[in-house]
Structures are given as structure tokens and as C-alpha cells.
Amino acid sequence: MAAFDEHANAYDSWFLDNQNLLTSELNLVAHFLDKDSSILSVGCGSGLFEMLLAKHHDIHIKDGVEPSKDMAEIAKKRGLNVAISPAETYDFEPNKFDIIMFNGSVSYISDLELCIIVSSL
């Protein structure tokens, strides 16, 4: 997503400047994830949440999908395997992941129903 390409670094800065919100969201997401599951993060952005989930909750997400090449580059530097693709056209591999996480990305996906149907096959 080109809009995020220009603001990739500002995304992390906003969350880091708003620690209460970051911690609250991080704890909420961690509550619903199983650390022994294989997880795909759709709309992983810069990989900030994935990095912090590993650091603070021992939840290691290795794979992500991100349409913004600039955000994906930051996520790759943080250790994620990132496919640069919109969620709507990403080729979800059946039965590869136990959990497909849409953390905050649903408001940016133009055809969410399509993504949910395809990702659940």
C-alpha cells in the first residue's frame, strides 16, 4: 500500500510514543494466540507487534503478508519472512498455518470477505 510507504518509520514512532495503547493492544493480541502455533500475520506492517510478541510473550511469528514494500523491508530486518502483496490477492497456502492473524489490518483491506474465505480454505 503506497500510503504506508511514505510513513513506514512514523508508524512505529506513533506506537512507541503511545506506550499505553501499544502495551494494551499487545497484551490483548497475545491473550488470544497460542505460542506453539504456526501464525501468519496479514498486514504485518513493520513487524513491530511481531517483534514485541516474541520479546514479551514468547510468541514467535515468522511469516507475514504486507502490501507496503517499505513496511515489509522493516519487518524483514526484524526477522519476518514477508510476502509483499495485498491480502486480497495473496495466495494463502492451505493448511500451512494454525492461525491467520489480522491485527489491525482489516480496515485497510478492500475485500475482507474474500480474504477470510480464501484464508480459511
C-alpha atoms as a PDB file:
ATOM      1  CA  MET A   1       0.000   0.000   0.000  1.00  0.00           C
ATOM      2  CA  ALA A   2       1.716   3.142  -1.244  1.00  0.00           C
ATOM      3  CA  ALA A   3       0.271   5.346   1.512  1.00  0.00           C
ATOM      4  CA  PHE A   4       2.287   3.440   4.101  1.00  0.00           C
ATOM      5  CA  ASP A   5       5.470   3.504   2.014  1.00  0.00           C
ATOM      6  CA  GLU A   6       5.893   7.190   2.795  1.00  0.00           C
ATOM      7  CA  HIS A   7       5.154   6.797   6.506  1.00  0.00           C
ATOM      8  CA  ALA A   8       6.754   3.473   7.454  1.00  0.00           C
ATOM      9  CA  ASN A   9       9.008   4.935  10.159  1.00  0.00           C
ATOM     10  CA  ALA A  10       6.270   7.212  11.517  1.00  0.00           C
ATOM     11  CA  TYR A  11       4.058   4.168  12.164  1.00  0.00           C
ATOM     12  CA  ASP A  12       6.436   2.741  14.753  1.00  0.00           C
ATOM     13  CA  SER A  13       7.109   6.161  16.243  1.00  0.00           C
ATOM     14  CA  TRP A  14       3.402   6.732  16.877  1.00  0.00           C
ATOM     15  CA  PHE A  15       3.051   3.432  18.750  1.00  0.00           C
ATOM     16  CA  LEU A  16       6.272   3.987  20.683  1.00  0.00           C
ATOM     17  CA  ASP A  17       5.046   7.455  21.691  1.00  0.00           C
ATOM     18  CA  ASN A  18       1.767   5.909  22.883  1.00  0.00           C
ATOM     19  CA  GLN A  19       3.099   3.114  25.103  1.00  0.00           C
ATOM     20  CA  ASN A  20      -0.154   2.566  26.998  1.00  0.00           C
ATOM     21  CA  LEU A  21      -2.038   1.833  23.796  1.00  0.00           C
ATOM     22  CA  LEU A  22       0.809  -0.286  22.422  1.00  0.00           C
ATOM     23  CA  THR A  23       1.044  -2.375  25.606  1.00  0.00           C
ATOM     24  CA  SER A  24      -2.720  -2.769  25.831  1.00  0.00           C
ATOM     25  CA  GLU A  25      -3.054  -3.947  22.232  1.00  0.00           C
ATOM     26  CA  LEU A  26      -0.016  -6.199  22.520  1.00  0.00           C
ATOM     27  CA  ASN A  27      -1.393  -7.900  25.646  1.00  0.00           C
ATOM     28  CA  LEU A  28      -4.824  -8.314  24.048  1.00  0.00           C
ATOM     29  CA  VAL A  29      -3.365  -9.944  20.930  1.00  0.00           C
ATOM     30  CA  ALA A  30      -1.066 -12.179  23.000  1.00  0.00           C
ATOM     31  CA  HIS A  31      -4.018 -13.360  25.101  1.00  0.00           C
ATOM     32  CA  PHE A  32      -5.636 -14.951  22.040  1.00  0.00           C
ATOM     33  CA  LEU A  33      -2.548 -16.524  20.471  1.00  0.00           C
ATOM     34  CA  ASP A  34      -1.037 -19.908  21.202  1.00  0.00           C
ATOM     35  CA  LYS A  35       2.750 -19.688  21.336  1.00  0.00           C
ATOM     36  CA  ASP A  36       3.071 -23.208  19.915  1.00  0.00           C
ATOM     37  CA  SER A  37       1.033 -22.394  16.798  1.00  0.00           C
ATOM     38  CA  SER A  38       2.268 -21.532  13.344  1.00  0.00           C
ATOM     39  CA  ILE A  39       0.974 -17.980  12.742  1.00  0.00           C
ATOM     40  CA  LEU A  40       0.698 -15.845   9.604  1.00  0.00           C
ATOM     41  CA  SER A  41       0.390 -12.107  10.222  1.00  0.00           C
ATOM     42  CA  VAL A  42      -1.688 -10.470   7.487  1.00  0.00           C
ATOM     43  CA  GLY A  43      -0.843  -6.791   7.248  1.00  0.00           C
ATOM     44  CA  CYS A  44       2.232  -7.249   9.434  1.00  0.00           C
ATOM     45  CA  GLY A  45       3.400  -3.707   8.687  1.00  0.00           C
ATOM     46  CA  SER A  46       6.843  -3.054  10.123  1.00  0.00           C
ATOM     47  CA  GLY A  47       6.764  -6.207  12.249  1.00  0.00           C
ATOM     48  CA  LEU A  48       6.656  -4.134  15.448  1.00  0.00           C
ATOM     49  CA  PHE A  49       3.935  -6.233  17.085  1.00  0.00           C
ATOM     50  CA  GLU A  50       5.509  -9.496  15.971  1.00  0.00           C
ATOM     51  CA  MET A  51       8.864  -8.407  17.418  1.00  0.00           C
ATOM     52  CA  LEU A  52       7.270  -7.380  20.724  1.00  0.00           C
ATOM     53  CA  LEU A  53       5.145 -10.540  20.928  1.00  0.00           C
ATOM     54  CA  ALA A  54       8.358 -12.563  20.738  1.00  0.00           C
ATOM     55  CA  LYS A  55      10.188 -10.384  23.246  1.00  0.00           C
ATOM     56  CA  HIS A  56       7.460 -10.062  25.876  1.00  0.00           C
ATOM     57  CA  HIS A  57       5.231 -13.110  25.356  1.00  0.00           C
ATOM     58  CA  ASP A  58       7.450 -15.783  23.764  1.00  0.00           C
ATOM     59  CA  ILE A  59       5.124 -15.864  20.728  1.00  0.00           C
ATOM     60  CA  HIS A  60       7.227 -16.183  17.597  1.00  0.00           C
ATOM     61  CA  ILE A  61       5.561 -15.200  14.331  1.00  0.00           C
ATOM     62  CA  LYS A  62       7.819 -15.982  11.408  1.00  0.00           C
ATOM     63  CA  ASP A  63       5.646 -15.145   8.386  1.00  0.00           C
ATOM     64  CA  GLY A  64       3.796 -12.065   7.269  1.00  0.00           C
ATOM     65  CA  VAL A  65       1.965 -10.510   4.342  1.00  0.00           C
ATOM     66  CA  GLU A  66       2.300  -6.774   3.751  1.00  0.00           C
ATOM     67  CA  PRO A  67       1.379  -4.644   0.721  1.00  0.00           C
ATOM     68  CA  SER A  68       3.772  -1.785   1.559  1.00  0.00           C
ATOM     69  CA  LYS A  69       7.294  -2.535   0.366  1.00  0.00           C
ATOM     70  CA  ASP A  70       8.805  -0.019   2.820  1.00  0.00           C
ATOM     71  CA  MET A  71       6.959  -1.514   5.787  1.00  0.00           C
ATOM     72  CA  ALA A  72       7.871  -5.018   4.604  1.00  0.00           C
ATOM     73  CA  GLU A  73      11.562  -4.081   4.481  1.00  0.00           C
ATOM     74  CA  ILE A  74      11.463  -3.022   8.135  1.00  0.00           C
ATOM     75  CA  ALA A  75       9.644  -6.250   9.054  1.00  0.00           C
ATOM     76  CA  LYS A  76      12.258  -8.289   7.195  1.00  0.00           C
ATOM     77  CA  LYS A  77      15.011  -6.563   9.190  1.00  0.00           C
ATOM     78  CA  ARG A  78      13.133  -7.673  12.303  1.00  0.00           C
ATOM     79  CA  GLY A  79      13.326 -11.291  11.155  1.00  0.00           C
ATOM     80  CA  LEU A  80       9.986 -11.911   9.437  1.00  0.00           C
ATOM     81  CA  ASN A  81       9.608 -13.717   6.134  1.00  0.00           C
ATOM     82  CA  VAL A  82       7.362 -11.214   4.359  1.00  0.00           C
ATOM     83  CA  ALA A  83       5.422 -11.655   1.151  1.00  0.00           C
ATOM     84  CA  ILE A  84       4.837  -8.231  -0.395  1.00  0.00           C
ATOM     85  CA  SER A  85       1.226  -8.495  -1.513  1.00  0.00           C
ATOM     86  CA  PRO A  86      -2.219  -7.124  -0.799  1.00  0.00           C
ATOM     87  CA  ALA A  87      -4.208  -9.566   1.323  1.00  0.00           C
ATOM     88  CA  GLU A  88      -6.884  -9.732  -1.362  1.00  0.00           C
ATOM     89  CA  THR A  89      -4.502 -11.282  -3.911  1.00  0.00           C
ATOM     90  CA  TYR A  90      -2.157 -13.213  -1.613  1.00  0.00           C
ATOM     91  CA  ASP A  91      -2.025 -16.934  -2.377  1.00  0.00           C
ATOM     92  CA  PHE A  92      -2.849 -18.451   1.023  1.00  0.00           C
ATOM     93  CA  GLU A  93      -1.338 -21.936   1.188  1.00  0.00           C
ATOM     94  CA  PRO A  94      -3.947 -24.347   2.590  1.00  0.00           C
ATOM     95  CA  ASN A  95      -3.201 -25.896   5.996  1.00  0.00           C
ATOM     96  CA  LYS A  96       0.194 -24.197   6.341  1.00  0.00           C
ATOM     97  CA  PHE A  97      -0.743 -22.070   9.370  1.00  0.00           C
ATOM     98  CA  ASP A  98      -2.662 -22.819  12.539  1.00  0.00           C
ATOM     99  CA  ILE A  99      -3.617 -19.156  12.965  1.00  0.00           C
ATOM    100  CA  ILE A 100      -4.033 -16.362  10.439  1.00  0.00           C
ATOM    101  CA  MET A 101      -3.887 -13.086  12.328  1.00  0.00           C
ATOM    102  CA  PHE A 102      -5.426  -9.847  11.043  1.00  0.00           C
ATOM    103  CA  ASN A 103      -4.125  -7.438  13.732  1.00  0.00           C
ATOM    104  CA  GLY A 104      -5.418  -4.001  12.789  1.00  0.00           C
ATOM    105  CA  SER A 105      -5.279  -4.698   9.070  1.00  0.00           C
ATOM    106  CA  VAL A 106      -8.967  -5.314   8.416  1.00  0.00           C
ATOM    107  CA  SER A 107      -9.735  -1.621   7.995  1.00  0.00           C
ATOM    108  CA  TYR A 108      -7.253  -1.434   5.099  1.00  0.00           C
ATOM    109  CA  ILE A 109      -8.468  -4.491   3.193  1.00  0.00           C
ATOM    110  CA  SER A 110     -10.898  -3.657   0.401  1.00  0.00           C
ATOM    111  CA  ASP A 111     -12.484  -7.130   0.182  1.00  0.00           C
ATOM    112  CA  LEU A 112     -12.272  -8.611   3.666  1.00  0.00           C
ATOM    113  CA  GLU A 113     -14.867 -11.294   2.949  1.00  0.00           C
ATOM    114  CA  LEU A 114     -12.724 -12.627   0.102  1.00  0.00           C
ATOM    115  CA  CYS A 115      -9.647 -12.748   2.365  1.00  0.00           C
ATOM    116  CA  ILE A 116     -11.481 -14.583   5.114  1.00  0.00           C
ATOM    117  CA  ILE A 117     -12.964 -17.149   2.720  1.00  0.00           C
ATOM    118  CA  VAL A 118      -9.672 -17.768   0.896  1.00  0.00           C
ATOM    119  CA  SER A 119      -7.563 -17.860   4.080  1.00  0.00           C
ATOM    120  CA  SER A 120      -9.888 -20.396   5.711  1.00  0.00           C
ATOM    121  CA  LEU A 121      -9.665 -22.952   2.902  1.00  0.00           C
END
